[in-house]
Structure formats: structure tokens, C-alpha cells
C-alpha atoms as a PDB file:
ATOM      1  CA  MET A   1       0.384  -0.030   0.173  1.00  0.00           C
ATOM      2  CA  HIS A   2       1.478   3.353  -1.394  1.00  0.00           C
ATOM      3  CA  LEU A   3       0.271   6.501   0.474  1.00  0.00           C
ATOM      4  CA  SER A   4       1.677   9.877  -0.391  1.00  0.00           C
ATOM      5  CA  LEU A   5       1.101  12.828   1.194  1.00  0.00           C
ATOM      6  CA  HIS A   6       0.436  15.532  -1.835  1.00  0.00           C
ATOM      7  CA  GLY A   7      -2.772  17.254  -0.764  1.00  0.00           C
ATOM      8  CA  LEU A   8      -4.048  16.751  -4.205  1.00  0.00           C
ATOM      9  CA  SER A   9      -7.516  15.476  -5.352  1.00  0.00           C
ATOM     10  CA  GLU A  10      -8.642  13.147  -7.305  1.00  0.00           C
ATOM     11  CA  ASN A  11      -8.369  15.348 -10.583  1.00  0.00           C
ATOM     12  CA  GLU A  12      -4.942  16.092  -9.624  1.00  0.00           C
ATOM     13  CA  GLN A  13      -2.925  13.238  -9.674  1.00  0.00           C
ATOM     14  CA  ASP A  14      -0.459  14.342 -12.372  1.00  0.00           C
ATOM     15  CA  PHE A  15       2.063  13.216 -10.465  1.00  0.00           C
ATOM     16  CA  LEU A  16       1.469   9.377 -10.479  1.00  0.00           C
ATOM     17  CA  LYS A  17       3.122   9.700 -14.294  1.00  0.00           C
ATOM     18  CA  ASP A  18       6.268   9.750 -13.024  1.00  0.00           C
ATOM     19  CA  LEU A  19       5.498   6.477 -11.030  1.00  0.00           C
ATOM     20  CA  PRO A  20       5.800   3.179 -12.622  1.00  0.00           C
ATOM     21  CA  ASN A  21       2.889   0.794 -13.450  1.00  0.00           C
ATOM     22  CA  PHE A  22       0.902  -1.110 -10.702  1.00  0.00           C
ATOM     23  CA  SER A  23       1.029  -4.226 -13.284  1.00  0.00           C
ATOM     24  CA  ILE A  24       4.765  -4.768 -11.488  1.00  0.00           C
ATOM     25  CA  LYS A  25       5.709  -7.981 -10.472  1.00  0.00           C
ATOM     26  CA  THR A  26       4.523  -9.470  -6.971  1.00  0.00           C
ATOM     27  CA  LEU A  27       6.226 -11.819  -4.464  1.00  0.00           C
ATOM     28  CA  ILE A  28       3.841 -14.938  -6.324  1.00  0.00           C
ATOM     29  CA  ASP A  29       5.529 -13.850  -9.372  1.00  0.00           C
ATOM     30  CA  SER A  30       9.097 -14.329  -8.007  1.00  0.00           C
ATOM     31  CA  LEU A  31       8.887 -17.521  -6.282  1.00  0.00           C
ATOM     32  CA  PRO A  32      10.048 -20.685  -8.700  1.00  0.00           C
ATOM     33  CA  GLY A  33       7.807 -23.343 -10.428  1.00  0.00           C
ATOM     34  CA  GLU A  34       6.155 -23.222 -13.439  1.00  0.00           C
ATOM     35  CA  ASN A  35       2.974 -24.382 -11.813  1.00  0.00           C
ATOM     36  CA  PHE A  36       2.782 -22.612  -8.470  1.00  0.00           C
ATOM     37  CA  SER A  37      -0.870 -21.350  -7.388  1.00  0.00           C
ATOM     38  CA  LYS A  38      -1.447 -18.616  -5.003  1.00  0.00           C
ATOM     39  CA  ASP A  39      -3.588 -20.893  -2.841  1.00  0.00           C
ATOM     40  CA  ASP A  40      -0.434 -23.499  -2.667  1.00  0.00           C
ATOM     41  CA  PHE A  41       1.336 -20.048  -0.811  1.00  0.00           C
ATOM     42  CA  ILE A  42      -0.827 -18.154   1.035  1.00  0.00           C
ATOM     43  CA  SER A  43      -4.909 -17.594   2.418  1.00  0.00           C
ATOM     44  CA  ASP A  44      -7.217 -16.054   0.519  1.00  0.00           C
ATOM     45  CA  THR A  45      -8.098 -14.071   3.348  1.00  0.00           C
ATOM     46  CA  ILE A  46      -5.215 -12.211   2.611  1.00  0.00           C
ATOM     47  CA  ILE A  47      -6.176  -9.588   0.268  1.00  0.00           C
ATOM     48  CA  SER A  48      -3.012  -6.836  -0.955  1.00  0.00           C
ATOM     49  CA  LYS A  49      -3.585  -4.334  -2.601  1.00  0.00           C
ATOM     50  CA  TYR A  50      -2.830  -0.768  -2.965  1.00  0.00           C
ATOM     51  CA  TYR A  51      -5.210   2.300  -2.146  1.00  0.00           C
ATOM     52  CA  SER A  52      -4.780   6.188  -2.365  1.00  0.00           C
ATOM     53  CA  PRO A  53      -5.773   8.035   0.809  1.00  0.00           C
ATOM     54  CA  ILE A  54      -9.099   9.124  -0.714  1.00  0.00           C
ATOM     55  CA  GLU A  55      -9.378   5.363  -2.216  1.00  0.00           C
ATOM     56  CA  PHE A  56      -8.653   4.391   1.596  1.00  0.00           C
ATOM     57  CA  LYS A  57     -11.047   6.182   3.005  1.00  0.00           C
ATOM     58  CA  SER A  58     -14.125   5.837   0.519  1.00  0.00           C
ATOM     59  CA  LYS A  59     -13.263   1.797   1.758  1.00  0.00           C
ATOM     60  CA  LYS A  60     -14.168   2.508   5.390  1.00  0.00           C
ATOM     61  CA  PHE A  61     -13.064  -0.398   6.990  1.00  0.00           C
ATOM     62  CA  ASP A  62     -14.513  -1.750   9.766  1.00  0.00           C
ATOM     63  CA  GLU A  63     -13.307   0.015  13.087  1.00  0.00           C
ATOM     64  CA  LYS A  64     -13.561  -2.702  15.183  1.00  0.00           C
ATOM     65  CA  SER A  65     -11.506  -4.459  13.191  1.00  0.00           C
ATOM     66  CA  PHE A  66      -7.696  -5.306  14.763  1.00  0.00           C
ATOM     67  CA  SER A  67      -5.516  -2.971  12.371  1.00  0.00           C
ATOM     68  CA  MET A  68      -2.360  -2.058  12.223  1.00  0.00           C
ATOM     69  CA  VAL A  69       0.068  -0.182  10.199  1.00  0.00           C
ATOM     70  CA  HIS A  70       3.893   0.631   9.315  1.00  0.00           C
ATOM     71  CA  LEU A  71       5.498   2.949   8.314  1.00  0.00           C
ATOM     72  CA  ASN A  72       9.052   4.292   7.569  1.00  0.00           C
ATOM     73  CA  ILE A  73       9.061   7.426   8.215  1.00  0.00           C
ATOM     74  CA  SER A  74      12.846   8.868   8.558  1.00  0.00           C
ATOM     75  CA  SER A  75      13.289  10.937  11.166  1.00  0.00           C
ATOM     76  CA  LEU A  76      10.056  11.110  13.225  1.00  0.00           C
ATOM     77  CA  GLN A  77      10.868  14.007  14.908  1.00  0.00           C
ATOM     78  CA  LEU A  78      11.138  15.762  11.643  1.00  0.00           C
ATOM     79  CA  HIS A  79       7.466  14.188  10.166  1.00  0.00           C
ATOM     80  CA  ILE A  80       5.602  13.611  12.904  1.00  0.00           C
ATOM     81  CA  ASP A  81       3.183  16.758  11.885  1.00  0.00           C
ATOM     82  CA  GLU A  82       3.077  14.630   8.428  1.00  0.00           C
ATOM     83  CA  LEU A  83       2.171  11.675  10.000  1.00  0.00           C
ATOM     84  CA  ARG A  84      -0.625  13.521  12.168  1.00  0.00           C
ATOM     85  CA  THR A  85      -1.745  14.688   8.893  1.00  0.00           C
ATOM     86  CA  LEU A  86      -1.835  11.538   7.610  1.00  0.00           C
ATOM     87  CA  LEU A  87      -3.769   9.650  10.140  1.00  0.00           C
ATOM     88  CA  GLN A  88      -6.390  12.613  10.407  1.00  0.00           C
ATOM     89  CA  ILE A  89      -6.487  12.106   6.053  1.00  0.00           C
ATOM     90  CA  LEU A  90      -7.153   8.329   6.678  1.00  0.00           C
ATOM     91  CA  ASP A  91      -9.771   8.615   9.455  1.00  0.00           C
ATOM     92  CA  HIS A  92      -8.950   4.974  11.003  1.00  0.00           C
ATOM     93  CA  PRO A  93      -8.669   3.919  14.374  1.00  0.00           C
ATOM     94  CA  PHE A  94      -5.512   2.293  14.048  1.00  0.00           C
ATOM     95  CA  ASP A  95      -4.484  -0.037  17.063  1.00  0.00           C
ATOM     96  CA  ILE A  96      -0.762  -0.197  16.379  1.00  0.00           C
ATOM     97  CA  ILE A  97       1.145   2.055  15.115  1.00  0.00           C
ATOM     98  CA  ALA A  98       4.540   1.217  14.050  1.00  0.00           C
ATOM     99  CA  ILE A  99       7.271   3.248  13.142  1.00  0.00           C
ATOM    100  CA  THR A 100      11.137   2.902  11.720  1.00  0.00           C
ATOM    101  CA  GLU A 101      13.595   4.867  11.146  1.00  0.00           C
ATOM    102  CA  THR A 102      12.567   7.337  13.793  1.00  0.00           C
ATOM    103  CA  GLY A 103      15.738   8.383  14.537  1.00  0.00           C
ATOM    104  CA  LEU A 104      15.686   9.120  17.708  1.00  0.00           C
ATOM    105  CA  THR A 105      18.689   8.420  20.332  1.00  0.00           C
ATOM    106  CA  ASN A 106      19.415   8.379  23.501  1.00  0.00           C
ATOM    107  CA  GLN A 107      18.816  12.342  24.111  1.00  0.00           C
ATOM    108  CA  GLU A 108      15.894  13.852  24.866  1.00  0.00           C
ATOM    109  CA  THR A 109      13.566  14.544  21.575  1.00  0.00           C
ATOM    110  CA  LEU A 110      12.959  18.670  20.998  1.00  0.00           C
ATOM    111  CA  ILE A 111       9.893  17.837  19.657  1.00  0.00           C
ATOM    112  CA  ASP A 112       7.115  16.676  20.918  1.00  0.00           C
ATOM    113  CA  VAL A 113       5.709  12.834  19.296  1.00  0.00           C
ATOM    114  CA  SER A 114       2.984  12.080  20.912  1.00  0.00           C
ATOM    115  CA  ILE A 115      -0.324  10.772  19.087  1.00  0.00           C
ATOM    116  CA  SER A 116      -3.706  11.210  21.198  1.00  0.00           C
ATOM    117  CA  GLY A 117      -5.366   8.444  22.087  1.00  0.00           C
ATOM    118  CA  TYR A 118      -2.245   6.415  22.077  1.00  0.00           C
ATOM    119  CA  HIS A 119       0.536   5.122  24.349  1.00  0.00           C
ATOM    120  CA  PHE A 120       4.033   5.448  22.722  1.00  0.00           C
ATOM    121  CA  TYR A 121       7.486   3.054  23.193  1.00  0.00           C
ATOM    122  CA  HIS A 122      10.348   3.402  20.907  1.00  0.00           C
ATOM    123  CA  THR A 123      13.949   1.996  20.634  1.00  0.00           C
ATOM    124  CA  GLU A 124      16.907   4.276  20.618  1.00  0.00           C
ATOM    125  CA  THR A 125      19.247   3.844  17.496  1.00  0.00           C
ATOM    126  CA  LYS A 126      22.861   4.481  17.980  1.00  0.00           C
ATOM    127  CA  THR A 127      23.362   5.524  14.321  1.00  0.00           C
ATOM    128  CA  GLN A 128      22.097   8.130  12.212  1.00  0.00           C
ATOM    129  CA  LYS A 129      19.702   6.401  10.724  1.00  0.00           C
ATOM    130  CA  GLY A 130      17.845   3.421  12.230  1.00  0.00           C
ATOM    131  CA  GLY A 131      15.407   3.396  15.120  1.00  0.00           C
ATOM    132  CA  ALA A 132      11.830   1.658  15.715  1.00  0.00           C
ATOM    133  CA  ALA A 133       8.729   2.512  17.211  1.00  0.00           C
ATOM    134  CA  ILE A 134       5.377   1.574  18.260  1.00  0.00           C
ATOM    135  CA  TYR A 135       2.297   3.675  19.002  1.00  0.00           C
ATOM    136  CA  ILE A 136      -0.282   1.277  20.791  1.00  0.00           C
ATOM    137  CA  LYS A 137      -4.138   2.203  21.649  1.00  0.00           C
ATOM    138  CA  ASP A 138      -3.931   3.852  25.221  1.00  0.00           C
ATOM    139  CA  SER A 139      -7.286   1.227  25.526  1.00  0.00           C
ATOM    140  CA  TYR A 140      -4.888  -2.108  25.685  1.00  0.00           C
ATOM    141  CA  GLU A 141      -3.078  -3.648  28.385  1.00  0.00           C
ATOM    142  CA  CYS A 142       0.037  -4.735  27.685  1.00  0.00           C
ATOM    143  CA  ASN A 143       3.845  -4.901  28.639  1.00  0.00           C
ATOM    144  CA  VAL A 144       7.258  -4.130  26.613  1.00  0.00           C
ATOM    145  CA  LEU A 145       9.025  -7.436  26.014  1.00  0.00           C
ATOM    146  CA  ASN A 146      12.787  -6.416  27.252  1.00  0.00           C
ATOM    147  CA  SER A 147      14.155  -9.847  26.015  1.00  0.00           C
ATOM    148  CA  TYR A 148      13.349  -9.606  22.293  1.00  0.00           C
ATOM    149  CA  THR A 149      13.923  -5.168  22.356  1.00  0.00           C
ATOM    150  CA  ILE A 150      16.810  -4.422  21.427  1.00  0.00           C
ATOM    151  CA  SER A 151      19.452  -1.564  19.588  1.00  0.00           C
ATOM    152  CA  ILE A 152      22.374  -3.830  17.652  1.00  0.00           C
ATOM    153  CA  GLU A 153      24.340  -1.189  16.097  1.00  0.00           C
ATOM    154  CA  ASN A 154      24.849  -0.730  12.505  1.00  0.00           C
ATOM    155  CA  VAL A 155      22.563  -4.592  12.269  1.00  0.00           C
ATOM    156  CA  CYS A 156      18.735  -3.578  13.529  1.00  0.00           C
ATOM    157  CA  GLU A 157      16.737  -2.106  16.316  1.00  0.00           C
ATOM    158  CA  THR A 158      13.594  -3.912  17.365  1.00  0.00           C
ATOM    159  CA  LEU A 159      11.050  -2.923  19.711  1.00  0.00           C
ATOM    160  CA  PHE A 160       8.481  -6.279  20.692  1.00  0.00           C
ATOM    161  CA  ILE A 161       5.477  -5.420  22.934  1.00  0.00           C
ATOM    162  CA  GLU A 162       2.900  -8.246  24.371  1.00  0.00           C
ATOM    163  CA  ILE A 163      -0.643  -7.701  24.133  1.00  0.00           C
ATOM    164  CA  LYS A 164      -2.688  -8.901  26.872  1.00  0.00           C
ATOM    165  CA  ASN A 165      -6.201 -10.659  25.808  1.00  0.00           C
ATOM    166  CA  LYS A 166      -8.539 -11.580  28.284  1.00  0.00           C
ATOM    167  CA  LYS A 167     -10.761 -14.224  25.400  1.00  0.00           C
ATOM    168  CA  LYS A 168      -7.768 -15.201  22.909  1.00  0.00           C
ATOM    169  CA  LYS A 169      -4.159 -15.773  23.295  1.00  0.00           C
ATOM    170  CA  ASN A 170      -1.876 -13.009  23.975  1.00  0.00           C
ATOM    171  CA  LEU A 171      -0.646 -11.051  21.060  1.00  0.00           C
ATOM    172  CA  ILE A 172       3.242 -10.469  20.209  1.00  0.00           C
ATOM    173  CA  VAL A 173       3.963  -7.539  18.119  1.00  0.00           C
ATOM    174  CA  GLY A 174       7.026  -6.495  16.766  1.00  0.00           C
ATOM    175  CA  CYS A 175       8.825  -3.885  15.266  1.00  0.00           C
ATOM    176  CA  ILE A 176      11.582  -3.777  13.248  1.00  0.00           C
ATOM    177  CA  TYR A 177      14.583  -2.177  11.651  1.00  0.00           C
ATOM    178  CA  ARG A 178      17.135  -3.953   9.810  1.00  0.00           C
ATOM    179  CA  HIS A 179      20.620  -1.821   8.675  1.00  0.00           C
ATOM    180  CA  HIS A 180      22.024  -2.909   5.351  1.00  0.00           C
ATOM    181  CA  THR A 181      24.245  -5.218   7.200  1.00  0.00           C
ATOM    182  CA  PRO A 182      24.706  -8.727   5.508  1.00  0.00           C
ATOM    183  CA  ILE A 183      20.947 -10.948   5.934  1.00  0.00           C
ATOM    184  CA  GLU A 184      22.500 -13.283   7.395  1.00  0.00           C
ATOM    185  CA  SER A 185      24.463 -11.628  10.192  1.00  0.00           C
ATOM    186  CA  PHE A 186      21.195 -10.175  11.280  1.00  0.00           C
ATOM    187  CA  CYS A 187      19.286 -13.887  11.246  1.00  0.00           C
ATOM    188  CA  LYS A 188      22.100 -15.302  13.168  1.00  0.00           C
ATOM    189  CA  GLU A 189      22.639 -12.469  15.656  1.00  0.00           C
ATOM    190  CA  PHE A 190      18.881 -11.645  16.551  1.00  0.00           C
ATOM    191  CA  PHE A 191      16.089 -12.996  13.592  1.00  0.00           C
ATOM    192  CA  LYS A 192      16.780 -16.435  14.331  1.00  0.00           C
ATOM    193  CA  PRO A 193      16.719 -16.571  18.211  1.00  0.00           C
ATOM    194  CA  ALA A 194      14.139 -14.488  18.630  1.00  0.00           C
ATOM    195  CA  ILE A 195      11.352 -15.999  16.637  1.00  0.00           C
ATOM    196  CA  GLN A 196      12.401 -19.482  17.790  1.00  0.00           C
ATOM    197  CA  LYS A 197      12.117 -18.085  20.956  1.00  0.00           C
ATOM    198  CA  ILE A 198       8.320 -16.792  20.495  1.00  0.00           C
ATOM    199  CA  ILE A 199       7.508 -20.187  18.327  1.00  0.00           C
ATOM    200  CA  LYS A 200       7.733 -21.750  21.945  1.00  0.00           C
ATOM    201  CA  SER A 201       5.898 -19.126  23.740  1.00  0.00           C
ATOM    202  CA  LYS A 202       2.424 -20.588  21.745  1.00  0.00           C
ATOM    203  CA  LYS A 203       1.392 -16.791  21.586  1.00  0.00           C
ATOM    204  CA  MET A 204       0.158 -15.035  18.573  1.00  0.00           C
ATOM    205  CA  CYS A 205       2.667 -12.500  16.786  1.00  0.00           C
ATOM    206  CA  ALA A 206       2.896  -9.998  14.139  1.00  0.00           C
ATOM    207  CA  LEU A 207       6.048  -8.584  12.840  1.00  0.00           C
ATOM    208  CA  LEU A 208       6.043  -5.234  11.119  1.00  0.00           C
ATOM    209  CA  GLY A 209       8.859  -3.526   9.638  1.00  0.00           C
ATOM    210  CA  ASP A 210      11.187  -2.747   7.518  1.00  0.00           C
ATOM    211  CA  PHE A 211      13.179  -5.488   7.287  1.00  0.00           C
ATOM    212  CA  ASN A 212      15.384  -3.706   3.658  1.00  0.00           C
ATOM    213  CA  ILE A 213      14.840  -7.718   2.171  1.00  0.00           C
ATOM    214  CA  ASN A 214      13.863  -7.895  -0.965  1.00  0.00           C
ATOM    215  CA  LEU A 215      11.007 -10.420  -1.071  1.00  0.00           C
ATOM    216  CA  LEU A 216      11.094  -9.983  -4.503  1.00  0.00           C
ATOM    217  CA  ASP A 217      14.312 -11.170  -5.246  1.00  0.00           C
ATOM    218  CA  TYR A 218      13.592 -14.682  -3.688  1.00  0.00           C
ATOM    219  CA  ALA A 219      14.944 -16.338  -6.669  1.00  0.00           C
ATOM    220  CA  LYS A 220      17.743 -14.038  -7.289  1.00  0.00           C
ATOM    221  CA  HIS A 221      19.547 -13.675  -3.965  1.00  0.00           C
ATOM    222  CA  ASN A 222      20.634 -16.411  -1.795  1.00  0.00           C
ATOM    223  CA  GLY A 223      20.483 -14.159   1.394  1.00  0.00           C
ATOM    224  CA  VAL A 224      16.624 -13.398   0.403  1.00  0.00           C
ATOM    225  CA  SER A 225      15.721 -16.914  -0.473  1.00  0.00           C
ATOM    226  CA  ASN A 226      17.371 -18.175   3.099  1.00  0.00           C
ATOM    227  CA  PHE A 227      15.429 -15.397   4.839  1.00  0.00           C
ATOM    228  CA  TYR A 228      12.068 -16.568   3.350  1.00  0.00           C
ATOM    229  CA  ASP A 229      12.732 -20.047   3.855  1.00  0.00           C
ATOM    230  CA  LEU A 230      13.358 -19.686   7.465  1.00  0.00           C
ATOM    231  CA  LEU A 231       9.965 -17.825   7.710  1.00  0.00           C
ATOM    232  CA  SER A 232       8.356 -20.789   6.638  1.00  0.00           C
ATOM    233  CA  ALA A 233       9.895 -22.717   8.361  1.00  0.00           C
ATOM    234  CA  PHE A 234       8.953 -21.267  11.537  1.00  0.00           C
ATOM    235  CA  GLY A 235       5.450 -20.482  10.206  1.00  0.00           C
ATOM    236  CA  PHE A 236       5.602 -17.250   9.065  1.00  0.00           C
ATOM    237  CA  CYS A 237       4.179 -15.442   5.894  1.00  0.00           C
ATOM    238  CA  PRO A 238       4.163 -11.853   4.502  1.00  0.00           C
ATOM    239  CA  LEU A 239       0.881 -10.328   4.408  1.00  0.00           C
ATOM    240  CA  ILE A 240       1.958  -7.645   1.569  1.00  0.00           C
ATOM    241  CA  LEU A 241       2.754  -9.240  -1.752  1.00  0.00           C
ATOM    242  CA  GLN A 242       3.588  -6.070  -3.974  1.00  0.00           C
ATOM    243  CA  PRO A 243       6.357  -3.796  -3.860  1.00  0.00           C
ATOM    244  CA  SER A 244       6.466  -1.407  -0.577  1.00  0.00           C
ATOM    245  CA  HIS A 245       8.797   0.767  -2.264  1.00  0.00           C
ATOM    246  CA  ILE A 246       8.565   2.106  -5.356  1.00  0.00           C
ATOM    247  CA  ARG A 247      10.574   4.801  -7.545  1.00  0.00           C
ATOM    248  CA  ASN A 248      11.436   5.593 -11.231  1.00  0.00           C
ATOM    249  CA  ASN A 249      13.170   3.145 -11.847  1.00  0.00           C
ATOM    250  CA  SER A 250      12.895   0.131  -9.050  1.00  0.00           C
ATOM    251  CA  THR A 251      10.298  -1.705  -7.233  1.00  0.00           C
ATOM    252  CA  THR A 252      11.148  -3.209  -3.797  1.00  0.00           C
ATOM    253  CA  LEU A 253       9.340  -5.050  -1.358  1.00  0.00           C
ATOM    254  CA  ILE A 254      11.532  -4.618   1.939  1.00  0.00           C
ATOM    255  CA  HIS A 255       8.749  -3.002   4.384  1.00  0.00           C
ATOM    256  CA  ASN A 256       6.623  -6.087   5.080  1.00  0.00           C
ATOM    257  CA  ILE A 257       3.987  -7.183   7.541  1.00  0.00           C
ATOM    258  CA  LEU A 258       4.962 -10.830   8.784  1.00  0.00           C
ATOM    259  CA  SER A 259       2.190 -13.137  10.719  1.00  0.00           C
ATOM    260  CA  ILE A 260       2.362 -16.463  11.975  1.00  0.00           C
ATOM    261  CA  ASN A 261       0.033 -18.618   9.937  1.00  0.00           C
ATOM    262  CA  TYR A 262      -2.891 -19.800  12.297  1.00  0.00           C
ATOM    263  CA  LEU A 263      -3.041 -16.219  13.848  1.00  0.00           C
ATOM    264  CA  THR A 264      -6.455 -16.407  12.120  1.00  0.00           C
ATOM    265  CA  PHE A 265      -8.320 -13.383  13.760  1.00  0.00           C
ATOM    266  CA  LEU A 266      -5.615 -11.349  12.348  1.00  0.00           C
ATOM    267  CA  MET A 267      -5.870 -12.627   8.847  1.00  0.00           C
ATOM    268  CA  GLU A 268      -9.708 -12.440   8.409  1.00  0.00           C
ATOM    269  CA  GLU A 269      -9.477  -9.025   9.930  1.00  0.00           C
ATOM    270  CA  THR A 270      -7.506  -6.058   8.237  1.00  0.00           C
ATOM    271  CA  LEU A 271      -4.274  -5.544   8.079  1.00  0.00           C
ATOM    272  CA  LEU A 272      -2.723  -2.456   7.201  1.00  0.00           C
ATOM    273  CA  LEU A 273       0.747  -1.646   6.006  1.00  0.00           C
ATOM    274  CA  LEU A 274       1.133   1.951   4.585  1.00  0.00           C
ATOM    275  CA  TYR A 275       4.419   3.414   3.406  1.00  0.00           C
ATOM    276  CA  LEU A 276       4.889   7.170   3.791  1.00  0.00           C
ATOM    277  CA  THR A 277       6.810   8.816   1.384  1.00  0.00           C
ATOM    278  CA  ILE A 278       8.107  12.272   2.605  1.00  0.00           C
END
């Protein structure tokens, strides 16, 4: 889902001529095998498509559905006003707002980054880029999972929270930013041990973030295929199938929402990934 704040009406979308045609390869197209079908890969309940802000608002998604959104914002302090404006435009009460590349360090923020109605949690970055944060509705009872919440310089920043659910299993939500480090290092130092522990906990889990791993390169890059195979081995599947990062000369699927395949109550609800271009 590619959303941009341009302040344009439906009749003023000349900027779209600079974007590539959206009849582009999806993750399913990139997986090998001539006889491959969507039913072999992922549930029919998962619908991955693009919306403009106008289309999103007119869709009128069920506000009672559990919904999550991820945005790579490239400095939260610089773009907090744009984030608040985007949320106003979309007019949807997201339960989880996950933010990567917050740029927040151990210093106090100079700008208020709060959003009304939400509690804010974040993991600092030790580099110029990076950082992970989660806004969660203040009506939820939750706690930060310190064993998964880490900052490894030039590898990744992560933030994990557990949402308590009296009627069903608790939900673990993780926000992850991976730096441009070897995929193997990321998986060895953090990702594989973390998801092994999560699987053993038998709790529901959703991972949102900027993994900087282009899933469309599954058939071309060993690191990508090994990462995807690792996800599959532990029962995780991507819910975003189209490119999330679109430029004039390239399309990549590096931002995603990943869920454990038995996370049925979430799959049947509204799961959304919004990529904010600023």
C-alpha cells in the first residue's frame, strides 16, 4: 500500500505519471515454479492491494477490526506533523502504529512526538538512521518484552510489546528495522533466536517493519531466499505481496507485515501496511 501526502484531489494526480505502472511483479510472481498458484502459498483471506488516501477513506474499513499500520518515516521528529495529518486524512482508528527509522537517540526529543489516544514506546538507534517505535491505543493493557527489544549498532533496532487478551491468546507485536548489514548476520544475531523463542511461547505474533530485504529477489539472491525459507520454516508468512518501495527505476518489497500462519483472527481482519513517502 503506497500512500503519499501530496495534498491533491482525485483530479490533480499528475504526479502519478512519474510512478511506474502498477502492473508489476508481486512476491507470488517471484517465487519459482511454473505451476505455482496462490492457493499453494497463502490464504485467500489475505488481500494485498494499493489504495490512494481517498480510496482508503471511501473503503470504510470496519473500525471494530484489529488493524496495524507500518510507516518508514526517516526521522519522526521531522515528520510527526505529516504523520498526524496522514492519520487525520485516513480517519481510521489503528490499534497499532509501527514506525521505523525514527532517528531517535538516547537524547531527549526536542519535539513532542505524542499522538492523542496512544501510548508511545521506542528503541533508540546508535546510528544516524534506524530506530523502532510503536504507538498502541491507550485502551490496551500491554508490556514491553525486553528480551526481544534490542539495539545492535549497524545491525538492527527492534521493539516488542505483548498485548494482553482475556478471551484469546496474548498477541506479540514486533517492530523491526534492519540496517544494510548482511542478511546472515541479522538472522544469526537476532532474528532466528527471537522467532524460535516466540514459537515456543505459543503466542500469536505479528512482525512489522523495514527489513531491507527485497522479497522480490527470492529467486535471485541466496540471502533473501534463506530469509524467506526461515520465515516459512517457523510458520510466518508475509501479508504484503506488492512492492512497498516504488521509484522511477526500481520497485522493491522491503517493508512488510509478517504473521504466524495460525494467527487467524488477524488474517480475517484488516491488516494494513502504509508506506509514507516524505
